[in-house]
Amino acid sequence: MSPMPNLATQLGPLTLSTPFLAASGTFGYGSEYAPIVDLSKVGAVVTKSLSVKPREGNPTPRIWETPAGMLNAIGLENCGLQSFIDHRVPELAGLPTKVLVNVVGDSVDDYATICSALDKIDAVDGFEINISCPNVKHGTRFASDPKDCERLMKALAPTTKKLLMAKLSPNVTDLAEIARAAVEGGAQALSLINTLIGMAVDVKTRRPRIANVTGGLSGPAVRPVAVRCVWQAAKACPGTPIVGIGGIRSLGDALEFFVVGACAVQVGTTNYLDPDLLNRLPGEFDAWLAQENLGAPSHLTGSLKL
């Protein structure tokens, strides 16, 4: 008799109900999607990026659709730490899922201030440390220099007992080196990838489609790059939980990430055109695991044959 699949997934100190997460920047704070997504089927909601002080973001236009995805240069617009605590935390406390806060900063102190302040808040289950946003000044410094990356994670580790997960960039020379630096610095998990740097031009006006000139490319176009990066990170950091991100439109897309080493995945850009995907994925995965006589997602993770 085939084993009954169990979708519960361990991500560092957290046990997630399913391995399917809502990616930062595409899902608001979770409550916005509650009318159409069963959040109990979502392993965790990753909030939009949070900085110490409020940010207005980049000038418009900030989004441009591409043939296989989209470019965005939002610029990490957000309400700031104090407003988040006062107005967003009460909403997060009522969500039937785990909550990870995506943290951004211009300095080590910025990141540490947020982690320290939110470590005391029960509604927050962990942090995704965003060291890899390509749309702001100095947004990728900690993701491109292994020494800076390790220094940041070492500084953050003592500030919290909650999950500390580093979000990595594909826009680097040696991703494996950065992944190792993050883990050696104290990251309990890795998420990847953030967006690729892209550009679109209006040939009539000879002007960029996005006011920021360049933007972050996401969607199906980046998935092969993301799968490669997850594979590299998994080889570089055996035993470290990895969350794959990039262009997931179906269960088949998600399965690729598991095979190359991910224990969970985030759905991002697809939330804009098919928000029901997060409702469907757990049932589809459960049925697929049963069909393959696999008892849990972990039995698929890292099963690539070379």
Protein backbone atom coordinates (compact mmCIF):
# COMPACT_ATOMS: atom_id res chain seq x y z
CA MET A 1 0.00 0.00 0.00
CA SER A 2 1.39 3.42 -0.97
CA PRO A 3 2.39 5.75 1.89
CA MET A 4 0.06 8.69 2.55
CA PRO A 5 1.87 11.88 1.51
CA ASN A 6 2.55 14.47 4.19
CA LEU A 7 3.14 17.99 2.87
CA ALA A 8 4.50 19.38 6.15
CA THR A 9 7.91 20.89 5.46
CA GLN A 10 10.72 21.85 7.80
CA LEU A 11 12.34 25.20 7.09
CA GLY A 12 14.99 25.74 9.72
CA PRO A 13 13.16 25.99 13.06
CA LEU A 14 9.76 26.32 11.34
CA THR A 15 7.33 23.60 10.36
CA LEU A 16 5.26 24.73 7.37
CA SER A 17 1.91 23.13 6.54
CA THR A 18 2.87 22.97 2.86
CA PRO A 19 6.05 23.75 0.89
CA PHE A 20 4.33 26.49 -1.14
CA LEU A 21 5.02 30.09 -0.07
CA ALA A 22 3.79 33.44 -1.37
CA ALA A 23 6.76 35.50 -2.57
CA SER A 24 7.61 38.95 -1.27
CA GLY A 25 6.38 41.90 -3.27
CA THR A 26 3.62 39.95 -5.03
CA PHE A 27 1.25 39.16 -2.18
CA GLY A 28 1.03 42.33 -0.11
CA TYR A 29 0.84 41.36 3.56
CA GLY A 30 -1.31 38.29 2.96
CA SER A 31 -4.65 39.67 4.07
CA GLU A 32 -5.17 41.29 0.65
CA TYR A 33 -5.38 37.84 -0.95
CA ALA A 34 -7.45 36.21 1.81
CA PRO A 35 -10.74 36.53 -0.15
CA ILE A 36 -9.39 34.41 -3.03
CA VAL A 37 -6.56 32.29 -1.57
CA ASP A 38 -6.98 29.76 1.24
CA LEU A 39 -4.04 30.90 3.33
CA SER A 40 -4.11 27.69 5.38
CA LYS A 41 -2.82 25.97 2.22
CA VAL A 42 0.09 28.43 1.98
CA GLY A 43 3.15 27.37 3.96
CA ALA A 44 4.09 30.98 4.66
CA VAL A 45 3.42 34.49 3.45
CA VAL A 46 6.54 36.55 2.80
CA THR A 47 5.60 40.19 3.29
CA LYS A 48 6.60 42.98 0.97
CA SER A 49 9.99 44.42 1.84
CA LEU A 50 10.31 46.40 5.07
CA SER A 51 12.85 49.14 5.82
CA VAL A 52 13.42 51.12 9.01
CA LYS A 53 12.07 54.34 7.53
CA PRO A 54 9.19 54.58 5.01
CA ARG A 55 10.14 54.52 1.34
CA GLU A 56 8.24 56.09 -1.53
CA GLY A 57 9.91 53.86 -4.10
CA ASN A 58 11.02 54.74 -7.60
CA PRO A 59 9.24 57.15 -9.99
CA THR A 60 6.67 55.75 -12.41
CA PRO A 61 6.36 53.95 -14.77
CA ARG A 62 7.67 51.08 -12.62
CA ILE A 63 6.27 47.95 -14.29
CA TRP A 64 6.45 46.65 -17.85
CA GLU A 65 5.07 43.35 -19.11
CA THR A 66 7.48 41.20 -21.13
CA PRO A 67 6.71 38.25 -23.44
CA ALA A 68 7.44 35.73 -20.66
CA GLY A 69 7.15 37.72 -17.47
CA MET A 70 7.54 41.28 -16.28
CA LEU A 71 10.04 43.97 -15.41
CA ASN A 72 9.57 45.91 -12.20
CA ALA A 73 11.43 48.71 -10.49
CA ILE A 74 9.12 49.44 -7.55
CA GLY A 75 12.09 50.49 -5.42
CA LEU A 76 11.04 48.77 -2.19
CA GLU A 77 8.16 51.15 -1.44
CA ASN A 78 6.89 50.43 2.08
CA CYS A 79 5.39 51.95 5.21
CA GLY A 80 8.45 51.69 7.47
CA LEU A 81 9.05 49.76 10.68
CA GLN A 82 6.92 51.71 13.15
CA SER A 83 3.85 51.85 10.92
CA PHE A 84 4.30 48.15 10.20
CA ILE A 85 4.23 47.37 13.92
CA ASP A 86 1.27 49.66 14.60
CA HIS A 87 -0.96 48.83 11.64
CA ARG A 88 0.18 45.63 9.90
CA VAL A 89 1.12 43.33 12.77
CA PRO A 90 -2.49 43.09 14.04
CA GLU A 91 -3.53 41.82 10.58
CA LEU A 92 -0.65 39.35 10.40
CA ALA A 93 -1.57 37.91 13.79
CA GLY A 94 -4.87 36.68 12.34
CA LEU A 95 -3.46 34.88 9.31
CA PRO A 96 -3.77 31.05 9.35
CA THR A 97 -0.19 30.57 8.15
CA LYS A 98 3.39 31.43 8.98
CA VAL A 99 4.62 34.97 8.33
CA LEU A 100 8.12 35.84 7.15
CA VAL A 101 9.11 39.50 6.94
CA ASN A 102 11.29 40.49 4.01
CA VAL A 103 13.89 42.88 5.45
CA VAL A 104 15.89 45.49 3.54
CA GLY A 105 18.40 48.10 4.63
CA ASP A 106 21.17 50.43 3.58
CA SER A 107 23.45 49.25 6.38
CA VAL A 108 24.01 46.39 8.79
CA ASP A 109 22.41 48.50 11.53
CA ASP A 110 19.23 48.92 9.47
CA TYR A 111 18.77 45.16 9.10
CA ALA A 112 19.62 44.56 12.77
CA THR A 113 17.15 47.20 13.96
CA ILE A 114 14.26 45.49 12.17
CA CYS A 115 15.17 41.94 13.21
CA SER A 116 15.64 42.97 16.82
CA ALA A 117 12.35 44.88 16.98
CA LEU A 118 10.28 42.15 15.34
CA ASP A 119 11.93 39.31 17.22
CA LYS A 120 9.65 40.18 20.13
CA ILE A 121 6.46 39.99 18.04
CA ASP A 122 4.67 36.63 18.01
CA ALA A 123 2.92 37.30 14.68
CA VAL A 124 6.30 37.23 12.92
CA ASP A 125 7.79 33.76 12.46
CA GLY A 126 11.00 34.66 10.70
CA PHE A 127 12.92 36.89 8.35
CA GLU A 128 13.87 36.77 4.69
CA ILE A 129 16.95 38.98 4.52
CA ASN A 130 16.76 40.74 1.18
CA ILE A 131 20.35 41.39 0.17
CA SER A 132 19.61 41.14 -3.52
CA CYS A 133 17.19 43.82 -4.80
CA PRO A 134 18.55 45.21 -8.10
CA ASN A 135 16.27 48.25 -8.16
CA VAL A 136 17.73 50.44 -5.41
CA LYS A 137 21.12 52.03 -4.78
CA HIS A 138 23.46 49.58 -3.01
CA GLY A 139 20.66 46.97 -3.20
CA THR A 140 23.00 44.11 -4.07
CA ARG A 141 26.14 45.00 -2.12
CA PHE A 142 25.66 42.30 0.51
CA ALA A 143 24.73 39.77 -2.18
CA SER A 144 27.75 40.32 -4.40
CA ASP A 145 30.61 40.45 -1.90
CA PRO A 146 30.98 37.25 0.17
CA LYS A 147 32.79 39.04 3.00
CA ASP A 148 30.02 41.65 3.29
CA CYS A 149 27.39 38.93 3.09
CA GLU A 150 28.98 36.89 5.89
CA ARG A 151 29.49 40.03 7.98
CA LEU A 152 25.81 40.96 7.68
CA MET A 153 24.53 37.51 8.63
CA LYS A 154 26.93 37.31 11.59
CA ALA A 155 25.59 40.62 12.84
CA LEU A 156 21.95 39.51 12.48
CA ALA A 157 22.23 36.06 14.04
CA PRO A 158 22.36 37.36 17.67
CA THR A 159 19.39 39.71 17.11
CA THR A 160 16.73 37.02 16.73
CA LYS A 161 15.73 33.49 17.65
CA LYS A 162 13.43 33.32 14.63
CA LEU A 163 14.19 31.91 11.17
CA LEU A 164 16.97 33.82 9.39
CA MET A 165 16.85 33.19 5.65
CA ALA A 166 19.07 35.00 3.14
CA LYS A 167 17.59 35.87 -0.27
CA LEU A 168 20.27 35.62 -2.94
CA SER A 169 20.79 37.32 -6.29
CA PRO A 170 21.51 35.70 -9.67
CA ASN A 171 23.38 38.87 -10.69
CA VAL A 172 26.70 37.69 -9.27
CA THR A 173 29.86 36.06 -10.55
CA ASP A 174 29.93 33.10 -8.14
CA LEU A 175 26.60 32.28 -6.51
CA ALA A 176 27.98 29.26 -4.66
CA GLU A 177 30.54 31.46 -2.92
CA ILE A 178 27.83 33.88 -1.75
CA ALA A 179 25.62 31.02 -0.58
CA ARG A 180 28.43 29.55 1.52
CA ALA A 181 29.20 32.97 3.00
CA ALA A 182 25.58 33.46 4.03
CA VAL A 183 25.41 30.07 5.73
CA GLU A 184 28.79 30.48 7.42
CA GLY A 185 27.57 33.84 8.71
CA GLY A 186 24.52 32.28 10.34
CA ALA A 187 21.76 32.00 7.74
CA GLN A 188 19.57 29.00 8.60
CA ALA A 189 18.07 28.86 5.11
CA LEU A 190 18.48 30.37 1.65
CA SER A 191 15.89 31.64 -0.81
CA LEU A 192 16.70 32.23 -4.46
CA ILE A 193 16.52 33.80 -6.86
CA ASN A 194 15.69 37.46 -6.75
CA THR A 195 15.05 39.07 -10.12
CA LEU A 196 17.49 39.34 -13.02
CA ILE A 197 18.42 42.82 -14.22
CA GLY A 198 16.61 43.65 -17.47
CA MET A 199 15.59 46.55 -19.67
CA ALA A 200 12.93 47.42 -22.23
CA VAL A 201 12.91 50.33 -24.69
CA ASP A 202 10.18 52.20 -26.58
CA VAL A 203 11.68 52.39 -30.06
CA LYS A 204 9.42 55.28 -31.13
CA THR A 205 10.42 57.62 -28.33
CA ARG A 206 13.87 56.01 -27.85
CA ARG A 207 13.17 56.03 -24.12
CA PRO A 208 13.27 53.26 -21.53
CA ARG A 209 9.90 51.71 -20.69
CA ILE A 210 10.72 52.05 -16.98
CA ALA A 211 11.68 55.37 -15.37
CA ASN A 212 14.46 53.64 -13.43
CA VAL A 213 15.86 52.56 -16.85
CA THR A 214 16.50 48.99 -15.67
CA GLY A 215 14.23 46.71 -13.67
CA GLY A 216 14.03 43.26 -12.20
CA LEU A 217 12.92 40.55 -14.63
CA SER A 218 10.65 37.86 -13.17
CA GLY A 219 8.26 35.23 -14.49
CA PRO A 220 8.69 32.08 -16.62
CA ALA A 221 11.62 33.58 -18.55
CA VAL A 222 13.88 33.34 -15.48
CA ARG A 223 12.95 29.81 -14.36
CA PRO A 224 15.85 27.96 -16.03
CA VAL A 225 18.28 30.41 -14.43
CA ALA A 226 16.59 29.98 -11.05
CA VAL A 227 16.70 26.18 -11.26
CA ARG A 228 20.41 26.34 -12.07
CA CYS A 229 21.07 28.67 -9.15
CA VAL A 230 19.19 26.46 -6.68
CA TRP A 231 21.19 23.46 -7.89
CA GLN A 232 24.45 25.35 -7.35
CA ALA A 233 23.44 26.57 -3.90
CA ALA A 234 22.33 23.08 -2.83
CA LYS A 235 25.70 21.64 -3.88
CA ALA A 236 27.59 24.43 -2.12
CA CYS A 237 25.58 24.19 1.14
CA PRO A 238 24.52 20.58 1.71
CA GLY A 239 21.97 20.24 4.48
CA THR A 240 20.87 23.88 4.32
CA PRO A 241 17.14 24.33 3.56
CA ILE A 242 16.66 26.08 0.23
CA VAL A 243 13.54 27.80 -1.07
CA GLY A 244 13.36 28.06 -4.85
CA ILE A 245 11.88 31.13 -6.53
CA GLY A 246 11.42 31.98 -10.18
CA GLY A 247 8.74 31.59 -12.84
CA ILE A 248 6.56 28.88 -11.28
CA ARG A 249 3.31 28.60 -13.25
CA SER A 250 2.43 24.95 -12.56
CA LEU A 251 3.20 21.97 -10.35
CA GLY A 252 5.65 20.72 -12.98
CA ASP A 253 7.61 23.94 -12.70
CA ALA A 254 7.77 23.60 -8.91
CA LEU A 255 8.89 19.97 -9.12
CA GLU A 256 12.05 21.00 -10.97
CA PHE A 257 13.13 23.05 -7.96
CA PHE A 258 12.56 20.16 -5.57
CA VAL A 259 14.57 17.76 -7.72
CA VAL A 260 17.61 20.06 -7.81
CA GLY A 261 17.60 20.60 -4.04
CA ALA A 262 14.80 22.90 -2.82
CA CYS A 263 12.67 21.90 0.16
CA ALA A 264 10.05 24.56 -0.64
CA VAL A 265 9.20 27.10 -3.33
CA GLN A 266 7.76 30.60 -3.57
CA VAL A 267 5.15 31.66 -6.10
CA GLY A 268 5.54 35.28 -7.17
CA THR A 269 4.65 36.87 -10.50
CA THR A 270 2.01 34.22 -11.22
CA ASN A 271 -0.06 35.62 -8.34
CA TYR A 272 -0.96 38.55 -10.60
CA LEU A 273 -2.51 36.44 -13.34
CA ASP A 274 -3.42 33.13 -11.65
CA PRO A 275 -3.80 33.65 -7.89
CA ASP A 276 -5.69 30.35 -7.70
CA LEU A 277 -2.42 28.48 -8.31
CA LEU A 278 -1.58 28.58 -4.60
CA ASN A 279 -4.97 26.97 -3.90
CA ARG A 280 -4.31 24.16 -6.38
CA LEU A 281 -0.69 23.30 -5.76
CA PRO A 282 -1.03 21.41 -2.43
CA GLY A 283 -3.70 19.04 -3.76
CA GLU A 284 -1.86 18.49 -7.03
CA PHE A 285 1.41 17.81 -5.21
CA ASP A 286 -0.29 15.45 -2.76
CA ALA A 287 -1.74 13.45 -5.67
CA TRP A 288 1.60 13.44 -7.51
CA LEU A 289 3.52 12.18 -4.47
CA ALA A 290 0.98 9.39 -3.96
CA GLN A 291 1.26 8.43 -7.62
CA GLU A 292 5.07 8.28 -7.33
CA ASN A 293 4.91 6.34 -4.03
CA LEU A 294 6.69 9.15 -2.21
CA GLY A 295 5.65 9.85 1.36
CA ALA A 296 6.81 13.45 1.68
CA PRO A 297 8.30 16.34 -0.32
CA SER A 298 11.67 15.61 1.31
CA HIS A 299 11.82 12.32 -0.59
CA LEU A 300 11.95 14.33 -3.82
CA THR A 301 14.37 17.04 -2.68
CA GLY A 302 17.83 16.67 -4.19
CA SER A 303 16.93 13.58 -6.25
CA LEU A 304 18.59 14.84 -9.45
CA LYS A 305 20.39 12.08 -11.36
CA LEU A 306 23.57 13.02 -13.22
